[in-house]
N, C-alpha and C. Protein backbone atom coordinates (compact mmCIF):
# COMPACT_ATOMS: atom_id res chain seq x y z
N UNK A 1 39.10 67.54 9.18
CA UNK A 1 38.06 68.42 8.76
C UNK A 1 37.76 68.17 7.29
N UNK A 2 36.47 68.02 7.00
CA UNK A 2 36.05 67.78 5.61
C UNK A 2 35.95 69.08 4.88
N UNK A 3 35.82 68.96 3.52
CA UNK A 3 35.68 70.16 2.70
C UNK A 3 34.40 70.92 3.06
N UNK A 4 33.35 70.19 3.36
CA UNK A 4 32.08 70.86 3.76
C UNK A 4 32.19 71.61 5.05
N UNK A 5 32.92 71.08 6.00
CA UNK A 5 33.10 71.79 7.28
C UNK A 5 33.94 73.01 7.08
N UNK A 6 34.97 72.94 6.24
CA UNK A 6 35.81 74.11 5.99
C UNK A 6 34.97 75.17 5.26
N UNK A 7 34.20 74.78 4.32
CA UNK A 7 33.36 75.74 3.56
C UNK A 7 32.33 76.40 4.50
N UNK A 8 31.81 75.63 5.43
CA UNK A 8 30.90 76.18 6.43
C UNK A 8 31.53 77.19 7.33
N UNK A 9 32.75 76.85 7.80
CA UNK A 9 33.51 77.79 8.63
C UNK A 9 33.84 79.06 7.89
N UNK A 10 34.27 78.94 6.63
CA UNK A 10 34.56 80.13 5.84
C UNK A 10 33.29 80.98 5.60
N UNK A 11 32.20 80.37 5.34
CA UNK A 11 30.95 81.13 5.16
C UNK A 11 30.55 81.84 6.44
N UNK A 12 30.63 81.13 7.57
CA UNK A 12 30.30 81.74 8.85
C UNK A 12 31.18 82.91 9.17
N UNK A 13 32.50 82.72 8.90
CA UNK A 13 33.43 83.82 9.13
C UNK A 13 33.09 85.02 8.26
N UNK A 14 32.77 84.78 7.00
CA UNK A 14 32.39 85.86 6.09
C UNK A 14 31.15 86.58 6.58
N UNK A 15 30.14 85.85 7.04
CA UNK A 15 28.95 86.46 7.54
C UNK A 15 29.22 87.27 8.80
N UNK A 16 30.15 86.82 9.61
CA UNK A 16 30.53 87.63 10.84
C UNK A 16 31.19 88.95 10.42
N UNK A 17 32.06 88.86 9.42
CA UNK A 17 32.69 90.10 8.92
C UNK A 17 31.64 91.04 8.30
N UNK A 18 30.74 90.53 7.59
CA UNK A 18 29.65 91.37 7.03
C UNK A 18 28.81 91.98 8.14
N UNK A 19 28.48 91.22 9.15
CA UNK A 19 27.69 91.70 10.28
C UNK A 19 28.43 92.78 11.02
N UNK A 20 29.75 92.63 11.21
CA UNK A 20 30.54 93.66 11.86
C UNK A 20 30.54 94.95 11.06
N UNK A 21 30.70 94.83 9.79
CA UNK A 21 30.71 95.97 8.91
C UNK A 21 29.35 96.69 8.95
N UNK A 22 28.28 95.95 8.88
CA UNK A 22 26.94 96.54 8.94
C UNK A 22 26.73 97.20 10.25
N UNK A 23 27.19 96.59 11.33
CA UNK A 23 27.02 97.23 12.68
C UNK A 23 27.73 98.54 12.75
N UNK A 24 28.97 98.62 12.22
CA UNK A 24 29.75 99.85 12.24
C UNK A 24 29.12 100.92 11.39
N UNK A 25 28.44 100.57 10.31
CA UNK A 25 27.80 101.53 9.42
C UNK A 25 26.38 101.84 9.85
N UNK A 26 25.89 101.23 10.89
CA UNK A 26 24.53 101.48 11.39
C UNK A 26 23.48 100.85 10.51
N UNK A 27 23.80 99.81 9.84
CA UNK A 27 22.85 99.11 8.96
C UNK A 27 22.60 97.69 9.38
N UNK A 28 22.72 97.40 10.68
CA UNK A 28 22.59 96.01 11.17
C UNK A 28 21.20 95.46 10.89
N UNK A 29 20.16 96.32 11.10
CA UNK A 29 18.79 95.80 10.89
C UNK A 29 18.59 95.39 9.41
N UNK A 30 19.09 96.19 8.51
CA UNK A 30 19.01 95.86 7.06
C UNK A 30 19.79 94.51 6.77
N UNK A 31 20.90 94.39 7.40
CA UNK A 31 21.72 93.12 7.25
C UNK A 31 20.86 91.88 7.72
N UNK A 32 20.29 92.04 8.89
CA UNK A 32 19.52 90.91 9.45
C UNK A 32 18.28 90.64 8.56
N UNK A 33 17.66 91.68 8.01
CA UNK A 33 16.48 91.45 7.13
C UNK A 33 16.94 90.75 5.87
N UNK A 34 18.05 91.14 5.31
CA UNK A 34 18.54 90.53 4.12
C UNK A 34 18.93 89.09 4.37
N UNK A 35 19.56 88.81 5.50
CA UNK A 35 19.95 87.46 5.89
C UNK A 35 18.74 86.59 6.04
N UNK A 36 17.65 87.14 6.60
CA UNK A 36 16.42 86.39 6.79
C UNK A 36 15.79 86.04 5.40
N UNK A 37 15.85 87.00 4.50
CA UNK A 37 15.28 86.70 3.15
C UNK A 37 16.08 85.63 2.48
N UNK A 38 17.39 85.66 2.51
CA UNK A 38 18.25 84.58 1.94
C UNK A 38 17.96 83.25 2.59
N UNK A 39 17.86 83.24 3.88
CA UNK A 39 17.55 81.96 4.63
C UNK A 39 16.19 81.41 4.21
N UNK A 40 15.19 82.29 4.04
CA UNK A 40 13.86 81.83 3.59
C UNK A 40 13.93 81.27 2.16
N UNK A 41 14.68 81.90 1.33
CA UNK A 41 14.80 81.36 -0.05
C UNK A 41 15.50 79.99 -0.08
N UNK A 42 16.56 79.83 0.72
CA UNK A 42 17.25 78.59 0.79
C UNK A 42 16.31 77.51 1.35
N UNK A 43 15.50 77.88 2.35
CA UNK A 43 14.60 76.86 2.90
C UNK A 43 13.50 76.47 1.93
N UNK A 44 13.01 77.44 1.15
CA UNK A 44 12.03 77.17 0.14
C UNK A 44 12.56 76.22 -0.94
N UNK A 45 13.80 76.45 -1.32
CA UNK A 45 14.41 75.58 -2.33
C UNK A 45 14.61 74.15 -1.77
N UNK A 46 15.04 74.09 -0.51
CA UNK A 46 15.22 72.76 0.15
C UNK A 46 13.90 72.03 0.25
N UNK A 47 12.87 72.78 0.58
CA UNK A 47 11.54 72.14 0.72
C UNK A 47 11.03 71.64 -0.63
N UNK A 48 11.28 72.43 -1.68
CA UNK A 48 10.88 71.98 -3.01
C UNK A 48 11.65 70.72 -3.46
N UNK A 49 12.91 70.66 -3.16
CA UNK A 49 13.71 69.49 -3.47
C UNK A 49 13.24 68.27 -2.64
N UNK A 50 12.93 68.52 -1.39
CA UNK A 50 12.44 67.43 -0.54
C UNK A 50 11.10 66.88 -1.03
N UNK A 51 10.22 67.78 -1.43
CA UNK A 51 8.90 67.37 -1.96
C UNK A 51 9.11 66.63 -3.26
N UNK A 52 9.91 67.10 -4.14
CA UNK A 52 10.16 66.44 -5.42
C UNK A 52 10.75 65.02 -5.17
N UNK A 53 11.67 64.88 -4.22
CA UNK A 53 12.25 63.57 -3.93
C UNK A 53 11.24 62.65 -3.32
N UNK A 54 10.34 63.19 -2.45
CA UNK A 54 9.30 62.34 -1.85
C UNK A 54 8.30 61.86 -2.96
N UNK A 55 7.94 62.78 -3.85
CA UNK A 55 6.98 62.41 -4.91
C UNK A 55 7.61 61.40 -5.89
N UNK A 56 8.93 61.50 -6.04
CA UNK A 56 9.64 60.59 -6.99
C UNK A 56 9.63 59.17 -6.43
N UNK A 57 9.62 59.06 -5.14
CA UNK A 57 9.57 57.78 -4.51
C UNK A 57 10.90 57.00 -4.45
N UNK A 58 12.00 57.73 -4.56
CA UNK A 58 13.30 57.06 -4.52
C UNK A 58 14.01 57.39 -3.27
């Protein structure tokens, strides 16, 4: 297992614990909305980096 795989597993486990906590507190919809916002921000940053790399031509 690589360091990146271990980090991914730890992050997924943490998200599952957060989801369980939100479910128990009745705030699962808010958790999903927040998760979607974070995913959109990460996707926007990845797109910006991909565009910059494509324009750089390397």
